[in-house]
């Protein structure tokens, strides 16, 4: 199956609650490459590459979020940022 790239903007109470670290752990468990970063508007952006079905699974996890977070919405956005050739990184 071909690799897919996808971006997600997660809004709600998602900063200061371990959301980036939790996303990193889930993405690594699922075997995805990518990055997660906090944005200035209080949202978190996630960019990933991998199997489309696995990316869909990550999207479901993002909609739940870690304990302590309150996800209001998860929006698919164009993935225009560079994605690492190996691994998953936490930025910002």
PDB file of N, CA and C in Angstrom:
ATOM      1  N   UNK A   1       0.843  -1.181   0.000  1.00  0.00           N
ATOM      2  CA  UNK A   1       0.000   0.000   0.000  1.00  0.00           C
ATOM      3  C   UNK A   1       0.889   1.246   0.000  1.00  0.00           C
ATOM      4  N   UNK A   2       0.501   2.238  -0.745  1.00  0.00           N
ATOM      5  CA  UNK A   2       1.285   3.464  -0.869  1.00  0.00           C
ATOM      6  C   UNK A   2       1.266   4.265   0.425  1.00  0.00           C
ATOM      7  N   UNK A   3       2.363   4.971   0.641  1.00  0.00           N
ATOM      8  CA  UNK A   3       2.448   5.839   1.809  1.00  0.00           C
ATOM      9  C   UNK A   3       1.605   7.087   1.579  1.00  0.00           C
ATOM     10  N   UNK A   4       0.984   7.540   2.633  1.00  0.00           N
ATOM     11  CA  UNK A   4       0.165   8.746   2.603  1.00  0.00           C
ATOM     12  C   UNK A   4       0.768   9.777   3.560  1.00  0.00           C
ATOM     13  N   UNK A   5       0.534  11.041   3.240  1.00  0.00           N
ATOM     14  CA  UNK A   5       0.914  12.130   4.146  1.00  0.00           C
ATOM     15  C   UNK A   5      -0.368  12.814   4.585  1.00  0.00           C
ATOM     16  N   UNK A   6      -0.403  13.197   5.860  1.00  0.00           N
ATOM     17  CA  UNK A   6      -1.588  13.885   6.341  1.00  0.00           C
ATOM     18  C   UNK A   6      -1.216  14.809   7.483  1.00  0.00           C
ATOM     19  N   UNK A   7      -1.975  15.890   7.592  1.00  0.00           N
ATOM     20  CA  UNK A   7      -1.810  16.820   8.693  1.00  0.00           C
ATOM     21  C   UNK A   7      -3.105  16.922   9.471  1.00  0.00           C
ATOM     22  N   UNK A   8      -2.986  17.245  10.765  1.00  0.00           N
ATOM     23  CA  UNK A   8      -4.146  17.405  11.628  1.00  0.00           C
ATOM     24  C   UNK A   8      -3.947  18.638  12.502  1.00  0.00           C
ATOM     25  N   UNK A   9      -5.002  19.417  12.665  1.00  0.00           N
ATOM     26  CA  UNK A   9      -5.006  20.528  13.617  1.00  0.00           C
ATOM     27  C   UNK A   9      -5.970  20.134  14.722  1.00  0.00           C
ATOM     28  N   UNK A  10      -5.452  20.063  15.945  1.00  0.00           N
ATOM     29  CA  UNK A  10      -6.254  19.636  17.094  1.00  0.00           C
ATOM     30  C   UNK A  10      -6.513  20.857  17.961  1.00  0.00           C
ATOM     31  N   UNK A  11      -7.792  21.137  18.218  1.00  0.00           N
ATOM     32  CA  UNK A  11      -8.176  22.298  19.023  1.00  0.00           C
ATOM     33  C   UNK A  11      -8.868  21.847  20.303  1.00  0.00           C
ATOM     34  N   UNK A  12      -8.767  22.686  21.312  1.00  0.00           N
ATOM     35  CA  UNK A  12      -9.369  22.411  22.609  1.00  0.00           C
ATOM     36  C   UNK A  12      -8.345  22.710  23.689  1.00  0.00           C
ATOM     37  N   UNK A  13      -8.459  22.043  24.820  1.00  0.00           N
ATOM     38  CA  UNK A  13      -7.462  22.157  25.889  1.00  0.00           C
ATOM     39  C   UNK A  13      -6.395  21.096  25.619  1.00  0.00           C
ATOM     40  N   UNK A  14      -5.447  21.444  24.735  1.00  0.00           N
ATOM     41  CA  UNK A  14      -4.468  20.455  24.265  1.00  0.00           C
ATOM     42  C   UNK A  14      -3.021  20.892  24.472  1.00  0.00           C
ATOM     43  N   UNK A  15      -2.803  22.040  25.072  1.00  0.00           N
ATOM     44  CA  UNK A  15      -1.440  22.457  25.401  1.00  0.00           C
ATOM     45  C   UNK A  15      -1.282  22.451  26.914  1.00  0.00           C
ATOM     46  N   UNK A  16      -0.084  22.048  27.365  1.00  0.00           N
ATOM     47  CA  UNK A  16       0.192  22.002  28.796  1.00  0.00           C
ATOM     48  C   UNK A  16      -0.396  20.780  29.485  1.00  0.00           C
ATOM     49  N   UNK A  17      -0.812  19.786  28.703  1.00  0.00           N
ATOM     50  CA  UNK A  17      -1.415  18.576  29.275  1.00  0.00           C
ATOM     51  C   UNK A  17      -0.711  17.310  28.791  1.00  0.00           C
ATOM     52  N   UNK A  18       0.455  17.443  28.180  1.00  0.00           N
ATOM     53  CA  UNK A  18       1.203  16.286  27.682  1.00  0.00           C
ATOM     54  C   UNK A  18       0.735  15.772  26.339  1.00  0.00           C
ATOM     55  N   UNK A  19      -0.009  16.587  25.608  1.00  0.00           N
ATOM     56  CA  UNK A  19      -0.578  16.131  24.332  1.00  0.00           C
ATOM     57  C   UNK A  19       0.510  15.770  23.321  1.00  0.00           C
ATOM     58  N   UNK A  20       1.564  16.580  23.220  1.00  0.00           N
ATOM     59  CA  UNK A  20       2.623  16.282  22.234  1.00  0.00           C
ATOM     60  C   UNK A  20       3.334  14.980  22.577  1.00  0.00           C
ATOM     61  N   UNK A  21       3.649  14.765  23.851  1.00  0.00           N
ATOM     62  CA  UNK A  21       4.345  13.536  24.253  1.00  0.00           C
ATOM     63  C   UNK A  21       3.454  12.321  24.033  1.00  0.00           C
ATOM     64  N   UNK A  22       2.181  12.447  24.340  1.00  0.00           N
ATOM     65  CA  UNK A  22       1.217  11.369  24.145  1.00  0.00           C
ATOM     66  C   UNK A  22       1.093  11.048  22.654  1.00  0.00           C
ATOM     67  N   UNK A  23       1.008  12.092  21.808  1.00  0.00           N
ATOM     68  CA  UNK A  23       0.919  11.898  20.361  1.00  0.00           C
ATOM     69  C   UNK A  23       2.173  11.211  19.837  1.00  0.00           C
ATOM     70  N   UNK A  24       3.329  11.629  20.334  1.00  0.00           N
ATOM     71  CA  UNK A  24       4.598  10.997  19.946  1.00  0.00           C
ATOM     72  C   UNK A  24       4.546   9.500  20.239  1.00  0.00           C
ATOM     73  N   UNK A  25       4.135   9.146  21.455  1.00  0.00           N
ATOM     74  CA  UNK A  25       4.092   7.741  21.846  1.00  0.00           C
ATOM     75  C   UNK A  25       3.137   6.948  20.954  1.00  0.00           C
ATOM     76  N   UNK A  26       1.937   7.486  20.689  1.00  0.00           N
ATOM     77  CA  UNK A  26       0.965   6.792  19.853  1.00  0.00           C
ATOM     78  C   UNK A  26       1.492   6.622  18.421  1.00  0.00           C
ATOM     79  N   UNK A  27       2.080   7.672  17.869  1.00  0.00           N
ATOM     80  CA  UNK A  27       2.593   7.612  16.496  1.00  0.00           C
ATOM     81  C   UNK A  27       3.710   6.580  16.377  1.00  0.00           C
ATOM     82  N   UNK A  28       4.605   6.542  17.349  1.00  0.00           N
ATOM     83  CA  UNK A  28       5.701   5.568  17.329  1.00  0.00           C
ATOM     84  C   UNK A  28       5.131   4.150  17.452  1.00  0.00           C
ATOM     85  N   UNK A  29       4.170   3.952  18.355  1.00  0.00           N
ATOM     86  CA  UNK A  29       3.533   2.634  18.503  1.00  0.00           C
ATOM     87  C   UNK A  29       2.905   2.171  17.188  1.00  0.00           C
ATOM     88  N   UNK A  30       2.344   3.120  16.436  1.00  0.00           N
ATOM     89  CA  UNK A  30       1.685   2.792  15.171  1.00  0.00           C
ATOM     90  C   UNK A  30       2.658   2.705  13.990  1.00  0.00           C
ATOM     91  N   UNK A  31       3.918   3.083  14.206  1.00  0.00           N
ATOM     92  CA  UNK A  31       4.917   3.001  13.146  1.00  0.00           C
ATOM     93  C   UNK A  31       4.878   4.149  12.145  1.00  0.00           C
ATOM     94  N   UNK A  32       4.368   5.305  12.583  1.00  0.00           N
ATOM     95  CA  UNK A  32       4.298   6.470  11.704  1.00  0.00           C
ATOM     96  C   UNK A  32       5.528   7.351  11.846  1.00  0.00           C
ATOM     97  N   UNK A  33       5.867   8.046  10.773  1.00  0.00           N
ATOM     98  CA  UNK A  33       6.902   9.081  10.808  1.00  0.00           C
ATOM     99  C   UNK A  33       6.199  10.420  10.880  1.00  0.00           C
ATOM    100  N   UNK A  34       6.844  11.415  11.498  1.00  0.00           N
ATOM    101  CA  UNK A  34       6.220  12.721  11.491  1.00  0.00           C
ATOM    102  C   UNK A  34       6.692  13.637  12.592  1.00  0.00           C
ATOM    103  N   UNK A  35       5.833  14.621  12.888  1.00  0.00           N
ATOM    104  CA  UNK A  35       6.168  15.639  13.879  1.00  0.00           C
ATOM    105  C   UNK A  35       4.886  16.186  14.487  1.00  0.00           C
ATOM    106  N   UNK A  36       5.022  16.699  15.709  1.00  0.00           N
ATOM    107  CA  UNK A  36       3.916  17.350  16.409  1.00  0.00           C
ATOM    108  C   UNK A  36       4.448  18.641  17.010  1.00  0.00           C
ATOM    109  N   UNK A  37       3.635  19.696  16.954  1.00  0.00           N
ATOM    110  CA  UNK A  37       4.081  20.981  17.478  1.00  0.00           C
ATOM    111  C   UNK A  37       2.904  21.770  18.048  1.00  0.00           C
ATOM    112  N   UNK A  38       3.193  22.590  19.063  1.00  0.00           N
ATOM    113  CA  UNK A  38       2.210  23.538  19.581  1.00  0.00           C
ATOM    114  C   UNK A  38       2.169  24.744  18.664  1.00  0.00           C
ATOM    115  N   UNK A  39       0.993  25.305  18.467  1.00  0.00           N
ATOM    116  CA  UNK A  39       0.838  26.518  17.679  1.00  0.00           C
ATOM    117  C   UNK A  39       0.457  27.677  18.604  1.00  0.00           C
ATOM    118  N   UNK A  40       0.700  28.885  18.145  1.00  0.00           N
ATOM    119  CA  UNK A  40       0.471  30.075  18.940  1.00  0.00           C
ATOM    120  C   UNK A  40      -0.976  30.317  19.316  1.00  0.00           C
ATOM    121  N   UNK A  41      -1.909  29.710  18.590  1.00  0.00           N
ATOM    122  CA  UNK A  41      -3.323  29.925  18.891  1.00  0.00           C
ATOM    123  C   UNK A  41      -3.867  28.938  19.924  1.00  0.00           C
ATOM    124  N   UNK A  42      -2.986  28.108  20.518  1.00  0.00           N
ATOM    125  CA  UNK A  42      -3.403  27.139  21.527  1.00  0.00           C
ATOM    126  C   UNK A  42      -3.717  25.761  20.983  1.00  0.00           C
ATOM    127  N   UNK A  43      -3.644  25.595  19.664  1.00  0.00           N
ATOM    128  CA  UNK A  43      -3.896  24.291  19.066  1.00  0.00           C
ATOM    129  C   UNK A  43      -2.585  23.521  18.921  1.00  0.00           C
ATOM    130  N   UNK A  44      -2.713  22.268  18.525  1.00  0.00           N
ATOM    131  CA  UNK A  44      -1.563  21.403  18.257  1.00  0.00           C
ATOM    132  C   UNK A  44      -1.689  20.931  16.820  1.00  0.00           C
ATOM    133  N   UNK A  45      -0.566  20.912  16.093  1.00  0.00           N
ATOM    134  CA  UNK A  45      -0.579  20.415  14.726  1.00  0.00           C
ATOM    135  C   UNK A  45       0.281  19.167  14.647  1.00  0.00           C
ATOM    136  N   UNK A  46      -0.229  18.178  13.933  1.00  0.00           N
ATOM    137  CA  UNK A  46       0.434  16.882  13.769  1.00  0.00           C
ATOM    138  C   UNK A  46       0.578  16.631  12.273  1.00  0.00           C
ATOM    139  N   UNK A  47       1.776  16.236  11.839  1.00  0.00           N
ATOM    140  CA  UNK A  47       2.024  15.877  10.442  1.00  0.00           C
ATOM    141  C   UNK A  47       2.645  14.492  10.433  1.00  0.00           C
ATOM    142  N   UNK A  48       2.045  13.593   9.643  1.00  0.00           N
ATOM    143  CA  UNK A  48       2.498  12.207   9.630  1.00  0.00           C
ATOM    144  C   UNK A  48       2.584  11.656   8.218  1.00  0.00           C
ATOM    145  N   UNK A  49       3.355  10.588   8.090  1.00  0.00           N
ATOM    146  CA  UNK A  49       3.457   9.828   6.847  1.00  0.00           C
ATOM    147  C   UNK A  49       3.439   8.352   7.219  1.00  0.00           C
ATOM    148  N   UNK A  50       2.719   7.574   6.405  1.00  0.00           N
ATOM    149  CA  UNK A  50       2.654   6.140   6.649  1.00  0.00           C
ATOM    150  C   UNK A  50       1.465   5.517   5.958  1.00  0.00           C
ATOM    151  N   UNK A  51       1.115   4.337   6.404  1.00  0.00           N
ATOM    152  CA  UNK A  51      -0.009   3.585   5.871  1.00  0.00           C
ATOM    153  C   UNK A  51      -1.305   4.363   6.126  1.00  0.00           C
ATOM    154  N   UNK A  52      -2.145   4.560   5.102  1.00  0.00           N
ATOM    155  CA  UNK A  52      -3.388   5.325   5.274  1.00  0.00           C
ATOM    156  C   UNK A  52      -4.296   4.803   6.381  1.00  0.00           C
ATOM    157  N   UNK A  53      -4.399   3.485   6.527  1.00  0.00           N
ATOM    158  CA  UNK A  53      -5.244   2.917   7.582  1.00  0.00           C
ATOM    159  C   UNK A  53      -4.689   3.243   8.962  1.00  0.00           C
ATOM    160  N   UNK A  54      -3.375   3.267   9.079  1.00  0.00           N
ATOM    161  CA  UNK A  54      -2.743   3.580  10.356  1.00  0.00           C
ATOM    162  C   UNK A  54      -2.922   5.068  10.689  1.00  0.00           C
ATOM    163  N   UNK A  55      -2.854   5.911   9.661  1.00  0.00           N
ATOM    164  CA  UNK A  55      -3.092   7.344   9.868  1.00  0.00           C
ATOM    165  C   UNK A  55      -4.525   7.569  10.346  1.00  0.00           C
ATOM    166  N   UNK A  56      -5.466   6.823   9.812  1.00  0.00           N
ATOM    167  CA  UNK A  56      -6.856   6.917  10.266  1.00  0.00           C
ATOM    168  C   UNK A  56      -6.970   6.498  11.732  1.00  0.00           C
ATOM    169  N   UNK A  57      -6.233   5.469  12.115  1.00  0.00           N
ATOM    170  CA  UNK A  57      -6.233   5.039  13.518  1.00  0.00           C
ATOM    171  C   UNK A  57      -5.683   6.151  14.416  1.00  0.00           C
ATOM    172  N   UNK A  58      -4.606   6.812  13.979  1.00  0.00           N
ATOM    173  CA  UNK A  58      -4.064   7.922  14.766  1.00  0.00           C
ATOM    174  C   UNK A  58      -5.098   9.040  14.892  1.00  0.00           C
ATOM    175  N   UNK A  59      -5.822   9.326  13.825  1.00  0.00           N
ATOM    176  CA  UNK A  59      -6.848  10.374  13.862  1.00  0.00           C
ATOM    177  C   UNK A  59      -7.897  10.071  14.932  1.00  0.00           C
ATOM    178  N   UNK A  60      -8.272   8.809  15.071  1.00  0.00           N
ATOM    179  CA  UNK A  60      -9.229   8.431  16.121  1.00  0.00           C
ATOM    180  C   UNK A  60      -8.634   8.675  17.502  1.00  0.00           C
ATOM    181  N   UNK A  61      -7.353   8.346  17.685  1.00  0.00           N
ATOM    182  CA  UNK A  61      -6.679   8.600  18.965  1.00  0.00           C
ATOM    183  C   UNK A  61      -6.616  10.099  19.247  1.00  0.00           C
ATOM    184  N   UNK A  62      -6.303  10.892  18.220  1.00  0.00           N
ATOM    185  CA  UNK A  62      -6.221  12.342  18.417  1.00  0.00           C
ATOM    186  C   UNK A  62      -7.561  12.904  18.877  1.00  0.00           C
ATOM    187  N   UNK A  63      -8.641  12.351  18.382  1.00  0.00           N
ATOM    188  CA  UNK A  63      -9.972  12.814  18.754  1.00  0.00           C
ATOM    189  C   UNK A  63     -10.258  12.561  20.234  1.00  0.00           C
ATOM    190  N   UNK A  64      -9.641  11.551  20.813  1.00  0.00           N
ATOM    191  CA  UNK A  64      -9.813  11.239  22.242  1.00  0.00           C
ATOM    192  C   UNK A  64      -8.864  12.070  23.093  1.00  0.00           C
ATOM    193  N   UNK A  65      -7.593  12.129  22.685  1.00  0.00           N
ATOM    194  CA  UNK A  65      -6.584  12.841  23.456  1.00  0.00           C
ATOM    195  C   UNK A  65      -6.203  12.119  24.737  1.00  0.00           C
ATOM    196  N   UNK A  66      -5.128  12.570  25.361  1.00  0.00           N
ATOM    197  CA  UNK A  66      -4.680  11.952  26.604  1.00  0.00           C
ATOM    198  C   UNK A  66      -5.537  12.409  27.779  1.00  0.00           C
ATOM    199  N   UNK A  67      -5.436  11.699  28.906  1.00  0.00           N
ATOM    200  CA  UNK A  67      -6.133  12.158  30.111  1.00  0.00           C
ATOM    201  C   UNK A  67      -5.706  13.595  30.437  1.00  0.00           C
ATOM    202  N   UNK A  68      -6.630  14.406  30.853  1.00  0.00           N
ATOM    203  CA  UNK A  68      -6.321  15.799  31.184  1.00  0.00           C
ATOM    204  C   UNK A  68      -6.555  16.758  30.036  1.00  0.00           C
ATOM    205  N   UNK A  69      -6.653  16.242  28.818  1.00  0.00           N
ATOM    206  CA  UNK A  69      -6.929  17.111  27.669  1.00  0.00           C
ATOM    207  C   UNK A  69      -8.432  17.109  27.402  1.00  0.00           C
ATOM    208  N   UNK A  70      -8.866  18.115  26.665  1.00  0.00           N
ATOM    209  CA  UNK A  70     -10.255  18.157  26.196  1.00  0.00           C
ATOM    210  C   UNK A  70     -10.218  18.563  24.731  1.00  0.00           C
ATOM    211  N   UNK A  71     -10.336  17.570  23.874  1.00  0.00           N
ATOM    212  CA  UNK A  71     -10.285  17.819  22.433  1.00  0.00           C
ATOM    213  C   UNK A  71     -11.644  18.332  21.978  1.00  0.00           C
ATOM    214  N   UNK A  72     -11.655  19.498  21.364  1.00  0.00           N
ATOM    215  CA  UNK A  72     -12.881  20.078  20.826  1.00  0.00           C
ATOM    216  C   UNK A  72     -13.078  19.682  19.359  1.00  0.00           C
ATOM    217  N   UNK A  73     -11.959  19.647  18.587  1.00  0.00           N
ATOM    218  CA  UNK A  73     -12.074  19.269  17.179  1.00  0.00           C
ATOM    219  C   UNK A  73     -10.729  18.798  16.642  1.00  0.00           C
ATOM    220  N   UNK A  74     -10.799  17.930  15.645  1.00  0.00           N
ATOM    221  CA  UNK A  74      -9.623  17.474  14.901  1.00  0.00           C
ATOM    222  C   UNK A  74      -9.936  17.705  13.436  1.00  0.00           C
ATOM    223  N   UNK A  75      -9.149  18.553  12.811  1.00  0.00           N
ATOM    224  CA  UNK A  75      -9.372  18.912  11.407  1.00  0.00           C
ATOM    225  C   UNK A  75      -8.194  18.420  10.566  1.00  0.00           C
ATOM    226  N   UNK A  76      -8.485  17.769   9.466  1.00  0.00           N
ATOM    227  CA  UNK A  76      -7.410  17.393   8.526  1.00  0.00           C
ATOM    228  C   UNK A  76      -6.965  18.638   7.788  1.00  0.00           C
ATOM    229  N   UNK A  77      -5.659  18.827   7.715  1.00  0.00           N
ATOM    230  CA  UNK A  77      -5.080  19.978   7.027  1.00  0.00           C
ATOM    231  C   UNK A  77      -4.006  19.468   6.068  1.00  0.00           C
ATOM    232  N   UNK A  78      -3.676  20.247   5.037  1.00  0.00           N
ATOM    233  CA  UNK A  78      -2.597  19.826   4.135  1.00  0.00           C
ATOM    234  C   UNK A  78      -1.295  19.648   4.911  1.00  0.00           C
ATOM    235  N   UNK A  79      -0.561  18.611   4.594  1.00  0.00           N
ATOM    236  CA  UNK A  79       0.724  18.375   5.241  1.00  0.00           C
ATOM    237  C   UNK A  79       1.829  18.934   4.362  1.00  0.00           C
ATOM    238  N   UNK A  80       2.140  20.188   4.602  1.00  0.00           N
ATOM    239  CA  UNK A  80       3.146  20.874   3.793  1.00  0.00           C
ATOM    240  C   UNK A  80       4.502  20.935   4.481  1.00  0.00           C
ATOM    241  N   UNK A  81       4.552  20.583   5.762  1.00  0.00           N
ATOM    242  CA  UNK A  81       5.812  20.628   6.502  1.00  0.00           C
ATOM    243  C   UNK A  81       6.675  19.423   6.160  1.00  0.00           C
ATOM    244  N   UNK A  82       7.990  19.588   6.255  1.00  0.00           N
ATOM    245  CA  UNK A  82       8.865  18.430   6.034  1.00  0.00           C
ATOM    246  C   UNK A  82       8.610  17.357   7.093  1.00  0.00           C
ATOM    247  N   UNK A  83       8.550  16.126   6.659  1.00  0.00           N
ATOM    248  CA  UNK A  83       8.383  14.993   7.569  1.00  0.00           C
ATOM    249  C   UNK A  83       9.709  14.256   7.621  1.00  0.00           C
ATOM    250  N   UNK A  84      10.200  13.944   8.828  1.00  0.00           N
ATOM    251  CA  UNK A  84      11.489  13.267   8.929  1.00  0.00           C
ATOM    252  C   UNK A  84      11.493  11.944   8.154  1.00  0.00           C
ATOM    253  N   UNK A  85      12.648  11.570   7.652  1.00  0.00           N
ATOM    254  CA  UNK A  85      12.757  10.318   6.915  1.00  0.00           C
ATOM    255  C   UNK A  85      12.727   9.122   7.861  1.00  0.00           C
ATOM    256  N   UNK A  86      12.923   9.369   9.158  1.00  0.00           N
ATOM    257  CA  UNK A  86      12.916   8.294  10.133  1.00  0.00           C
ATOM    258  C   UNK A  86      12.451   8.849  11.474  1.00  0.00           C
ATOM    259  N   UNK A  87      11.478   8.210  12.093  1.00  0.00           N
ATOM    260  CA  UNK A  87      11.069   8.576  13.426  1.00  0.00           C
ATOM    261  C   UNK A  87       9.998   9.652  13.491  1.00  0.00           C
ATOM    262  N   UNK A  88       9.738  10.063  14.716  1.00  0.00           N
ATOM    263  CA  UNK A  88       8.704  11.052  15.003  1.00  0.00           C
ATOM    264  C   UNK A  88       9.276  12.052  15.994  1.00  0.00           C
ATOM    265  N   UNK A  89       9.149  13.333  15.708  1.00  0.00           N
ATOM    266  CA  UNK A  89       9.766  14.335  16.550  1.00  0.00           C
ATOM    267  C   UNK A  89       8.726  15.272  17.179  1.00  0.00           C
ATOM    268  N   UNK A  90       9.122  15.832  18.319  1.00  0.00           N
ATOM    269  CA  UNK A  90       8.308  16.824  19.020  1.00  0.00           C
ATOM    270  C   UNK A  90       8.984  18.164  18.794  1.00  0.00           C
ATOM    271  N   UNK A  91       8.224  19.114  18.287  1.00  0.00           N
ATOM    272  CA  UNK A  91       8.752  20.463  18.034  1.00  0.00           C
ATOM    273  C   UNK A  91       8.006  21.456  18.909  1.00  0.00           C
ATOM    274  N   UNK A  92       8.566  22.664  18.976  1.00  0.00           N
ATOM    275  CA  UNK A  92       7.919  23.785  19.632  1.00  0.00           C
ATOM    276  C   UNK A  92       7.503  23.485  21.015  1.00  0.00           C
TER     277      UNK A  92
END
